[in-house]
Amino acid sequence: MIVALPITLTMWGWMVWRLRKLGVGLESALAALKGKLAEQRIALGPWSSGQRNTMIAFGVTVALWVAPGVVALVGGRDHPWYGWLASTLPEGVSALLGAGLLFVLPTDLKRHRFTLSWEDAARIDWWIVFLYGGGMALGGLAFQTGLAEAAGRALTEALGIDTPFSLVLTATVSATALSEMTSNTSAANMVVPVAIAFAQSAGADPTLPALGATMAASLGFLLPVSTPTNAIVYSSGRIPLRFMLRYGALLDIAGILAVTAGVALVAPLVLGAH
């Protein structure tokens, strides 16, 4: 958080400066946004039983996810509850339990209707699940097969990079470019192993390049398909593609510079990496 805060503030300041330069007042934009959100909130009406059940399942899942960390923070990792929670309720099990609640929390008990039916589950876009899972598997296999090490060695020899700043910059640019075509999770899973490998090949601490690649994997601002946020904005029909390409490229450059500078300058002070 300490490393990301100055990067976030820098990007926020750049955004405000660009909006003002384009003649968009921040106060008027926020006022218009609040009005639009208020209209949509009224149109939604009161919460349905299905929505309440979904929030319950989400809350339970998050609570199970953070429970081991909270116990470790309060009682330390030697506390018996921490060991039990960490071994019994890993992240995957917690997610399955939360999803399972949707099948048992009723919306109409008399008619035997529940929050999620099997018919609804069958219509879920499962390809997204496989996309994320495949990205994680790809990252793990890159290390297990030696692909990451070979790619890292080849990059180090081809580019001649051996300084911490150049390693962070290379990892940041690579992750940003890849995130334009894939999800941020997939980009991070593919770039981080290679970033670690080429840092190790150069005899440098891999922490900084890996951190830079992780943060830069969310800097896909160029295309509508880069992130769900881009797709939502573009689907409004108010943003021509040429504008998204132009300003997305500028935002990518600003993000690369901010992440590289933040990781290279701030992270060593916070993490002790070099």
C-alpha atoms as a PDB file:
ATOM      1  CA  MET A   1       0.000   0.000   0.000  1.00  0.00           C
ATOM      2  CA  ILE A   2       2.805   2.410   0.874  1.00  0.00           C
ATOM      3  CA  VAL A   3       4.461   1.746  -2.482  1.00  0.00           C
ATOM      4  CA  ALA A   4       1.216   2.056  -4.446  1.00  0.00           C
ATOM      5  CA  LEU A   5      -0.033   5.241  -2.729  1.00  0.00           C
ATOM      6  CA  PRO A   6       2.365   7.712  -4.418  1.00  0.00           C
ATOM      7  CA  ILE A   7       1.743   6.003  -7.761  1.00  0.00           C
ATOM      8  CA  THR A   8      -2.017   6.338  -7.279  1.00  0.00           C
ATOM      9  CA  LEU A   9      -1.731   9.993  -6.272  1.00  0.00           C
ATOM     10  CA  THR A  10       0.472  10.697  -9.291  1.00  0.00           C
ATOM     11  CA  MET A  11      -2.024   9.093 -11.671  1.00  0.00           C
ATOM     12  CA  TRP A  12      -4.906  10.925  -9.985  1.00  0.00           C
ATOM     13  CA  GLY A  13      -3.107  14.258 -10.333  1.00  0.00           C
ATOM     14  CA  TRP A  14      -2.349  13.539 -13.986  1.00  0.00           C
ATOM     15  CA  MET A  15      -6.005  12.697 -14.622  1.00  0.00           C
ATOM     16  CA  VAL A  16      -7.238  15.906 -12.966  1.00  0.00           C
ATOM     17  CA  TRP A  17      -4.716  17.967 -14.948  1.00  0.00           C
ATOM     18  CA  ARG A  18      -5.759  16.373 -18.241  1.00  0.00           C
ATOM     19  CA  LEU A  19      -9.468  16.858 -17.506  1.00  0.00           C
ATOM     20  CA  ARG A  20      -8.956  20.521 -16.690  1.00  0.00           C
ATOM     21  CA  LYS A  21      -6.880  20.969 -19.835  1.00  0.00           C
ATOM     22  CA  LEU A  22      -9.743  19.468 -21.842  1.00  0.00           C
ATOM     23  CA  GLY A  23     -12.150  21.904 -20.226  1.00  0.00           C
ATOM     24  CA  VAL A  24     -13.802  19.379 -17.929  1.00  0.00           C
ATOM     25  CA  GLY A  25     -14.240  20.776 -14.435  1.00  0.00           C
ATOM     26  CA  LEU A  26     -13.780  18.160 -11.734  1.00  0.00           C
ATOM     27  CA  GLU A  27     -16.523  19.628  -9.549  1.00  0.00           C
ATOM     28  CA  SER A  28     -19.093  19.754 -12.352  1.00  0.00           C
ATOM     29  CA  ALA A  29     -18.154  16.252 -13.516  1.00  0.00           C
ATOM     30  CA  LEU A  30     -18.579  14.841 -10.003  1.00  0.00           C
ATOM     31  CA  ALA A  31     -21.902  16.652  -9.568  1.00  0.00           C
ATOM     32  CA  ALA A  32     -23.200  15.222 -12.848  1.00  0.00           C
ATOM     33  CA  LEU A  33     -21.983  11.761 -11.844  1.00  0.00           C
ATOM     34  CA  LYS A  34     -23.728  11.957  -8.470  1.00  0.00           C
ATOM     35  CA  GLY A  35     -26.967  12.987 -10.176  1.00  0.00           C
ATOM     36  CA  LYS A  36     -26.745  10.114 -12.638  1.00  0.00           C
ATOM     37  CA  LEU A  37     -26.027   7.613  -9.876  1.00  0.00           C
ATOM     38  CA  ALA A  38     -28.967   8.918  -7.847  1.00  0.00           C
ATOM     39  CA  GLU A  39     -31.295   8.418 -10.822  1.00  0.00           C
ATOM     40  CA  GLN A  40     -30.093   4.873 -11.364  1.00  0.00           C
ATOM     41  CA  ARG A  41     -30.381   4.078  -7.651  1.00  0.00           C
ATOM     42  CA  ILE A  42     -34.020   5.186  -7.647  1.00  0.00           C
ATOM     43  CA  ALA A  43     -34.715   3.134 -10.779  1.00  0.00           C
ATOM     44  CA  LEU A  44     -33.300   0.021  -9.119  1.00  0.00           C
ATOM     45  CA  GLY A  45     -35.911   0.079  -6.377  1.00  0.00           C
ATOM     46  CA  PRO A  46     -35.599  -1.777  -3.053  1.00  0.00           C
ATOM     47  CA  TRP A  47     -33.256  -4.708  -2.585  1.00  0.00           C
ATOM     48  CA  SER A  48     -34.627  -8.070  -3.647  1.00  0.00           C
ATOM     49  CA  SER A  49     -34.166 -11.221  -1.590  1.00  0.00           C
ATOM     50  CA  GLY A  50     -31.751 -12.533  -4.206  1.00  0.00           C
ATOM     51  CA  GLN A  51     -29.592  -9.429  -3.934  1.00  0.00           C
ATOM     52  CA  ARG A  52     -29.535  -9.655  -0.145  1.00  0.00           C
ATOM     53  CA  ASN A  53     -28.580 -13.322  -0.303  1.00  0.00           C
ATOM     54  CA  THR A  54     -25.794 -12.525  -2.753  1.00  0.00           C
ATOM     55  CA  MET A  55     -24.380  -9.921  -0.374  1.00  0.00           C
ATOM     56  CA  ILE A  56     -24.560 -12.448   2.473  1.00  0.00           C
ATOM     57  CA  ALA A  57     -22.643 -15.023   0.423  1.00  0.00           C
ATOM     58  CA  PHE A  58     -20.103 -12.392  -0.606  1.00  0.00           C
ATOM     59  CA  GLY A  59     -19.648 -11.237   2.994  1.00  0.00           C
ATOM     60  CA  VAL A  60     -19.150 -14.794   4.234  1.00  0.00           C
ATOM     61  CA  THR A  61     -16.583 -15.464   1.503  1.00  0.00           C
ATOM     62  CA  VAL A  62     -14.590 -12.328   2.285  1.00  0.00           C
ATOM     63  CA  ALA A  63     -14.737 -13.072   6.020  1.00  0.00           C
ATOM     64  CA  LEU A  64     -13.352 -16.570   5.422  1.00  0.00           C
ATOM     65  CA  TRP A  65     -10.637 -15.167   3.165  1.00  0.00           C
ATOM     66  CA  VAL A  66      -9.369 -12.632   5.695  1.00  0.00           C
ATOM     67  CA  ALA A  67      -9.924 -14.734   8.839  1.00  0.00           C
ATOM     68  CA  PRO A  68      -6.452 -16.395   8.806  1.00  0.00           C
ATOM     69  CA  GLY A  69      -4.773 -13.032   8.274  1.00  0.00           C
ATOM     70  CA  VAL A  70      -6.741 -11.413  11.106  1.00  0.00           C
ATOM     71  CA  VAL A  71      -5.850 -14.245  13.488  1.00  0.00           C
ATOM     72  CA  ALA A  72      -2.187 -13.998  12.460  1.00  0.00           C
ATOM     73  CA  LEU A  73      -2.258 -10.236  12.977  1.00  0.00           C
ATOM     74  CA  VAL A  74      -3.781 -10.505  16.455  1.00  0.00           C
ATOM     75  CA  GLY A  75      -2.334 -13.748  17.797  1.00  0.00           C
ATOM     76  CA  GLY A  76       0.616 -14.370  15.495  1.00  0.00           C
ATOM     77  CA  ARG A  77       1.282 -17.217  13.091  1.00  0.00           C
ATOM     78  CA  ASP A  78       1.966 -19.560  16.002  1.00  0.00           C
ATOM     79  CA  HIS A  79      -1.626 -19.291  17.206  1.00  0.00           C
ATOM     80  CA  PRO A  80      -3.405 -22.678  16.848  1.00  0.00           C
ATOM     81  CA  TRP A  81      -6.422 -21.061  15.201  1.00  0.00           C
ATOM     82  CA  TYR A  82      -4.221 -19.667  12.432  1.00  0.00           C
ATOM     83  CA  GLY A  83      -2.860 -23.084  11.544  1.00  0.00           C
ATOM     84  CA  TRP A  84      -6.338 -24.616  11.580  1.00  0.00           C
ATOM     85  CA  LEU A  85      -7.885 -21.868   9.424  1.00  0.00           C
ATOM     86  CA  ALA A  86      -4.990 -21.803   6.954  1.00  0.00           C
ATOM     87  CA  SER A  87      -5.081 -25.574   6.440  1.00  0.00           C
ATOM     88  CA  THR A  88      -8.852 -26.083   6.582  1.00  0.00           C
ATOM     89  CA  LEU A  89     -10.084 -22.989   4.739  1.00  0.00           C
ATOM     90  CA  PRO A  90      -7.676 -22.051   1.936  1.00  0.00           C
ATOM     91  CA  GLU A  91      -8.833 -19.449  -0.575  1.00  0.00           C
ATOM     92  CA  GLY A  92     -10.331 -22.003  -2.949  1.00  0.00           C
ATOM     93  CA  VAL A  93     -12.388 -23.727  -0.266  1.00  0.00           C
ATOM     94  CA  SER A  94     -13.673 -20.388   1.034  1.00  0.00           C
ATOM     95  CA  ALA A  95     -14.775 -19.402  -2.464  1.00  0.00           C
ATOM     96  CA  LEU A  96     -16.569 -22.726  -2.973  1.00  0.00           C
ATOM     97  CA  LEU A  97     -18.371 -22.388   0.359  1.00  0.00           C
ATOM     98  CA  GLY A  98     -19.489 -18.864  -0.531  1.00  0.00           C
ATOM     99  CA  ALA A  99     -20.716 -19.987  -3.941  1.00  0.00           C
ATOM    100  CA  GLY A 100     -22.458 -22.967  -2.366  1.00  0.00           C
ATOM    101  CA  LEU A 101     -24.478 -20.639  -0.151  1.00  0.00           C
ATOM    102  CA  LEU A 102     -26.166 -19.268  -3.260  1.00  0.00           C
ATOM    103  CA  PHE A 103     -27.682 -22.696  -3.898  1.00  0.00           C
ATOM    104  CA  VAL A 104     -29.167 -22.991  -0.380  1.00  0.00           C
ATOM    105  CA  LEU A 105     -30.230 -19.414   0.473  1.00  0.00           C
ATOM    106  CA  PRO A 106     -33.915 -19.246  -0.556  1.00  0.00           C
ATOM    107  CA  THR A 107     -35.664 -16.461  -2.432  1.00  0.00           C
ATOM    108  CA  ASP A 108     -39.073 -18.161  -2.233  1.00  0.00           C
ATOM    109  CA  LEU A 109     -39.039 -21.094   0.151  1.00  0.00           C
ATOM    110  CA  LYS A 110     -42.642 -22.118  -0.524  1.00  0.00           C
ATOM    111  CA  ARG A 111     -41.909 -22.562  -4.223  1.00  0.00           C
ATOM    112  CA  HIS A 112     -38.480 -24.073  -3.522  1.00  0.00           C
ATOM    113  CA  ARG A 113     -36.682 -21.278  -5.347  1.00  0.00           C
ATOM    114  CA  PHE A 114     -33.155 -20.392  -4.338  1.00  0.00           C
ATOM    115  CA  THR A 115     -30.750 -17.586  -5.149  1.00  0.00           C
ATOM    116  CA  LEU A 116     -28.895 -19.607  -7.773  1.00  0.00           C
ATOM    117  CA  SER A 117     -30.285 -22.553  -9.699  1.00  0.00           C
ATOM    118  CA  TRP A 118     -28.344 -25.027 -11.779  1.00  0.00           C
ATOM    119  CA  GLU A 119     -29.924 -23.565 -14.922  1.00  0.00           C
ATOM    120  CA  ASP A 120     -28.530 -20.148 -13.978  1.00  0.00           C
ATOM    121  CA  ALA A 121     -25.128 -21.636 -13.184  1.00  0.00           C
ATOM    122  CA  ALA A 122     -25.013 -23.319 -16.599  1.00  0.00           C
ATOM    123  CA  ARG A 123     -25.357 -19.907 -18.263  1.00  0.00           C
ATOM    124  CA  ILE A 124     -22.343 -18.444 -16.455  1.00  0.00           C
ATOM    125  CA  ASP A 125     -19.505 -17.367 -18.772  1.00  0.00           C
ATOM    126  CA  TRP A 126     -17.221 -20.188 -17.697  1.00  0.00           C
ATOM    127  CA  TRP A 127     -14.614 -19.207 -20.268  1.00  0.00           C
ATOM    128  CA  ILE A 128     -13.667 -16.315 -17.952  1.00  0.00           C
ATOM    129  CA  VAL A 129     -12.995 -18.807 -15.158  1.00  0.00           C
ATOM    130  CA  PHE A 130     -10.804 -20.867 -17.470  1.00  0.00           C
ATOM    131  CA  LEU A 131      -9.073 -17.693 -18.667  1.00  0.00           C
ATOM    132  CA  TYR A 132      -8.013 -16.767 -15.145  1.00  0.00           C
ATOM    133  CA  GLY A 133      -7.233 -20.328 -14.148  1.00  0.00           C
ATOM    134  CA  GLY A 134      -5.293 -20.898 -17.345  1.00  0.00           C
ATOM    135  CA  GLY A 135      -3.233 -17.787 -16.724  1.00  0.00           C
ATOM    136  CA  MET A 136      -2.296 -18.996 -13.252  1.00  0.00           C
ATOM    137  CA  ALA A 137      -1.455 -22.456 -14.565  1.00  0.00           C
ATOM    138  CA  LEU A 138       0.645 -20.914 -17.328  1.00  0.00           C
ATOM    139  CA  GLY A 139       2.625 -18.875 -14.820  1.00  0.00           C
ATOM    140  CA  GLY A 140       3.314 -21.934 -12.678  1.00  0.00           C
ATOM    141  CA  LEU A 141       4.289 -24.099 -15.636  1.00  0.00           C
ATOM    142  CA  ALA A 142       6.633 -21.405 -16.932  1.00  0.00           C
ATOM    143  CA  PHE A 143       8.723 -21.917 -13.802  1.00  0.00           C
ATOM    144  CA  GLN A 144       8.345 -25.697 -13.585  1.00  0.00           C
ATOM    145  CA  THR A 145       9.400 -26.316 -17.182  1.00  0.00           C
ATOM    146  CA  GLY A 146      12.261 -23.814 -17.139  1.00  0.00           C
ATOM    147  CA  LEU A 147      10.601 -21.628 -19.786  1.00  0.00           C
ATOM    148  CA  ALA A 148      10.713 -18.545 -17.563  1.00  0.00           C
ATOM    149  CA  GLU A 149      14.406 -19.023 -16.841  1.00  0.00           C
ATOM    150  CA  ALA A 150      15.227 -19.506 -20.535  1.00  0.00           C
ATOM    151  CA  ALA A 151      13.175 -16.468 -21.557  1.00  0.00           C
ATOM    152  CA  GLY A 152      14.746 -14.379 -18.811  1.00  0.00           C
ATOM    153  CA  ARG A 153      18.260 -15.359 -19.837  1.00  0.00           C
ATOM    154  CA  ALA A 154      17.504 -14.622 -23.499  1.00  0.00           C
ATOM    155  CA  LEU A 155      16.040 -11.207 -22.671  1.00  0.00           C
ATOM    156  CA  THR A 156      18.983 -10.307 -20.474  1.00  0.00           C
ATOM    157  CA  GLU A 157      21.478 -11.214 -23.195  1.00  0.00           C
ATOM    158  CA  ALA A 158      19.505  -9.599 -26.028  1.00  0.00           C
ATOM    159  CA  LEU A 159      18.703  -6.310 -24.304  1.00  0.00           C
ATOM    160  CA  GLY A 160      21.809  -6.027 -22.174  1.00  0.00           C
ATOM    161  CA  ILE A 161      19.813  -4.891 -19.153  1.00  0.00           C
ATOM    162  CA  ASP A 162      21.358  -5.332 -15.746  1.00  0.00           C
ATOM    163  CA  THR A 163      20.461  -2.267 -13.659  1.00  0.00           C
ATOM    164  CA  PRO A 164      17.455  -2.318 -11.305  1.00  0.00           C
ATOM    165  CA  PHE A 165      15.810   0.632 -13.079  1.00  0.00           C
ATOM    166  CA  SER A 166      16.116  -0.919 -16.546  1.00  0.00           C
ATOM    167  CA  LEU A 167      14.800  -4.244 -15.245  1.00  0.00           C
ATOM    168  CA  VAL A 168      11.763  -2.560 -13.684  1.00  0.00           C
ATOM    169  CA  LEU A 169      11.137  -0.517 -16.840  1.00  0.00           C
ATOM    170  CA  THR A 170      11.311  -3.594 -19.073  1.00  0.00           C
ATOM    171  CA  ALA A 171       8.938  -5.560 -16.840  1.00  0.00           C
ATOM    172  CA  THR A 172       6.521  -2.630 -16.625  1.00  0.00           C
ATOM    173  CA  VAL A 173       6.417  -2.030 -20.375  1.00  0.00           C
ATOM    174  CA  SER A 174       5.993  -5.751 -21.102  1.00  0.00           C
ATOM    175  CA  ALA A 175       3.113  -6.142 -18.650  1.00  0.00           C
ATOM    176  CA  THR A 176       1.388  -3.007 -19.938  1.00  0.00           C
ATOM    177  CA  ALA A 177       1.646  -4.136 -23.558  1.00  0.00           C
ATOM    178  CA  LEU A 178       0.349  -7.612 -22.752  1.00  0.00           C
ATOM    179  CA  SER A 179      -2.532  -6.255 -20.655  1.00  0.00           C
ATOM    180  CA  GLU A 180      -3.897  -4.537 -23.766  1.00  0.00           C
ATOM    181  CA  MET A 181      -4.750  -7.947 -25.226  1.00  0.00           C
ATOM    182  CA  THR A 182      -5.397 -10.114 -22.155  1.00  0.00           C
ATOM    183  CA  SER A 183      -6.820  -9.718 -18.666  1.00  0.00           C
ATOM    184  CA  ASN A 184      -4.646  -8.166 -15.982  1.00  0.00           C
ATOM    185  CA  THR A 185      -4.463 -11.500 -14.165  1.00  0.00           C
ATOM    186  CA  SER A 186      -3.266 -13.320 -17.266  1.00  0.00           C
ATOM    187  CA  ALA A 187      -0.761 -10.560 -18.058  1.00  0.00           C
ATOM    188  CA  ALA A 188       0.669 -10.702 -14.543  1.00  0.00           C
ATOM    189  CA  ASN A 189       0.808 -14.504 -14.547  1.00  0.00           C
ATOM    190  CA  MET A 190       2.735 -14.502 -17.819  1.00  0.00           C
ATOM    191  CA  VAL A 191       5.087 -11.555 -17.238  1.00  0.00           C
ATOM    192  CA  VAL A 192       5.936 -11.898 -13.538  1.00  0.00           C
ATOM    193  CA  PRO A 193       7.685 -15.311 -13.872  1.00  0.00           C
ATOM    194  CA  VAL A 194       9.743 -14.006 -16.783  1.00  0.00           C
ATOM    195  CA  ALA A 195      10.533 -10.778 -14.883  1.00  0.00           C
ATOM    196  CA  ILE A 196      11.756 -12.789 -11.908  1.00  0.00           C
ATOM    197  CA  ALA A 197      13.834 -15.035 -14.152  1.00  0.00           C
ATOM    198  CA  PHE A 198      15.575 -12.271 -16.099  1.00  0.00           C
ATOM    199  CA  ALA A 199      16.281 -10.364 -12.885  1.00  0.00           C
ATOM    200  CA  GLN A 200      17.901 -13.475 -11.440  1.00  0.00           C
ATOM    201  CA  SER A 201      19.851 -13.969 -14.677  1.00  0.00           C
ATOM    202  CA  ALA A 202      21.165 -10.421 -14.323  1.00  0.00           C
ATOM    203  CA  GLY A 203      22.116 -11.067 -10.700  1.00  0.00           C
ATOM    204  CA  ALA A 204      19.569  -8.541  -9.397  1.00  0.00           C
ATOM    205  CA  ASP A 205      16.839  -8.696  -6.767  1.00  0.00           C
ATOM    206  CA  PRO A 206      13.685  -9.943  -8.582  1.00  0.00           C
ATOM    207  CA  THR A 207      11.323  -8.219  -6.134  1.00  0.00           C
ATOM    208  CA  LEU A 208      11.257  -4.857  -7.918  1.00  0.00           C
ATOM    209  CA  PRO A 209      10.689  -6.143 -11.502  1.00  0.00           C
ATOM    210  CA  ALA A 210       7.994  -8.527 -10.242  1.00  0.00           C
ATOM    211  CA  LEU A 211       6.281  -5.695  -8.357  1.00  0.00           C
ATOM    212  CA  GLY A 212       6.472  -3.412 -11.389  1.00  0.00           C
ATOM    213  CA  ALA A 213       4.985  -6.068 -13.669  1.00  0.00           C
ATOM    214  CA  THR A 214       2.196  -6.797 -11.187  1.00  0.00           C
ATOM    215  CA  MET A 215       1.146  -3.151 -10.957  1.00  0.00           C
ATOM    216  CA  ALA A 216       1.557  -2.468 -14.677  1.00  0.00           C
ATOM    217  CA  ALA A 217      -0.643  -5.437 -15.580  1.00  0.00           C
ATOM    218  CA  SER A 218      -3.656  -3.225 -14.787  1.00  0.00           C
ATOM    219  CA  LEU A 219      -2.567  -0.372 -17.084  1.00  0.00           C
ATOM    220  CA  GLY A 220      -4.460  -1.462 -20.183  1.00  0.00           C
ATOM    221  CA  PHE A 221      -6.084   1.792 -21.325  1.00  0.00           C
ATOM    222  CA  LEU A 222      -5.668   1.546 -25.099  1.00  0.00           C
ATOM    223  CA  LEU A 223      -8.434  -0.744 -26.408  1.00  0.00           C
ATOM    224  CA  PRO A 224     -12.045  -1.484 -25.436  1.00  0.00           C
ATOM    225  CA  VAL A 225     -11.109  -5.121 -24.802  1.00  0.00           C
ATOM    226  CA  SER A 226      -8.181  -4.279 -22.525  1.00  0.00           C
ATOM    227  CA  THR A 227     -10.227  -4.082 -19.316  1.00  0.00           C
ATOM    228  CA  PRO A 228     -13.911  -4.380 -18.366  1.00  0.00           C
ATOM    229  CA  THR A 229     -13.823  -0.682 -17.459  1.00  0.00           C
ATOM    230  CA  ASN A 230     -12.712   0.222 -20.971  1.00  0.00           C
ATOM    231  CA  ALA A 231     -15.493  -1.916 -22.421  1.00  0.00           C
ATOM    232  CA  ILE A 232     -18.120  -0.210 -20.247  1.00  0.00           C
ATOM    233  CA  VAL A 233     -16.944   3.270 -21.236  1.00  0.00           C
ATOM    234  CA  TYR A 234     -16.704   2.410 -24.930  1.00  0.00           C
ATOM    235  CA  SER A 235     -20.121   0.734 -24.947  1.00  0.00           C
ATOM    236  CA  SER A 236     -21.705   4.057 -23.956  1.00  0.00           C
ATOM    237  CA  GLY A 237     -21.208   5.165 -27.563  1.00  0.00           C
ATOM    238  CA  ARG A 238     -19.843   8.539 -26.469  1.00  0.00           C
ATOM    239  CA  ILE A 239     -16.149   7.715 -26.864  1.00  0.00           C
ATOM    240  CA  PRO A 240     -14.894   7.267 -30.457  1.00  0.00           C
ATOM    241  CA  LEU A 241     -12.257   4.585 -30.865  1.00  0.00           C
ATOM    242  CA  ARG A 242      -9.671   7.074 -32.122  1.00  0.00           C
ATOM    243  CA  PHE A 243     -10.053   9.105 -28.920  1.00  0.00           C
ATOM    244  CA  MET A 244      -9.659   6.000 -26.786  1.00  0.00           C
ATOM    245  CA  LEU A 245      -6.516   5.042 -28.696  1.00  0.00           C
ATOM    246  CA  ARG A 246      -5.037   8.542 -28.468  1.00  0.00           C
ATOM    247  CA  TYR A 247      -5.681   9.241 -24.813  1.00  0.00           C
ATOM    248  CA  GLY A 248      -5.250   5.613 -23.823  1.00  0.00           C
ATOM    249  CA  ALA A 249      -1.711   5.691 -25.214  1.00  0.00           C
ATOM    250  CA  LEU A 250      -0.954   8.845 -23.223  1.00  0.00           C
ATOM    251  CA  LEU A 251      -2.379   7.258 -20.090  1.00  0.00           C
ATOM    252  CA  ASP A 252      -0.342   4.097 -20.684  1.00  0.00           C
ATOM    253  CA  ILE A 253       2.837   6.176 -20.947  1.00  0.00           C
ATOM    254  CA  ALA A 254       1.970   8.120 -17.808  1.00  0.00           C
ATOM    255  CA  GLY A 255       1.231   4.874 -15.984  1.00  0.00           C
ATOM    256  CA  ILE A 256       4.487   3.252 -17.099  1.00  0.00           C
ATOM    257  CA  LEU A 257       6.490   6.255 -15.910  1.00  0.00           C
ATOM    258  CA  ALA A 258       4.609   6.456 -12.601  1.00  0.00           C
ATOM    259  CA  VAL A 259       4.890   2.734 -11.849  1.00  0.00           C
ATOM    260  CA  THR A 260       8.547   2.535 -12.870  1.00  0.00           C
ATOM    261  CA  ALA A 261       9.520   5.580 -10.820  1.00  0.00           C
ATOM    262  CA  GLY A 262       7.421   4.529  -7.836  1.00  0.00           C
ATOM    263  CA  VAL A 263       8.736   0.980  -7.755  1.00  0.00           C
ATOM    264  CA  ALA A 264      12.357   1.930  -8.451  1.00  0.00           C
ATOM    265  CA  LEU A 265      12.465   4.816  -5.953  1.00  0.00           C
ATOM    266  CA  VAL A 266       9.905   4.070  -3.234  1.00  0.00           C
ATOM    267  CA  ALA A 267       9.886   0.263  -3.020  1.00  0.00           C
ATOM    268  CA  PRO A 268      13.578  -0.039  -1.994  1.00  0.00           C
ATOM    269  CA  LEU A 269      12.928   2.309   0.934  1.00  0.00           C
ATOM    270  CA  VAL A 270       9.845   0.377   2.058  1.00  0.00           C
ATOM    271  CA  LEU A 271      10.794  -3.213   1.271  1.00  0.00           C
ATOM    272  CA  GLY A 272      14.544  -2.984   1.591  1.00  0.00           C
ATOM    273  CA  ALA A 273      14.889  -4.452  -1.900  1.00  0.00           C
ATOM    274  CA  HIS A 274      17.684  -3.344  -4.207  1.00  0.00           C
END
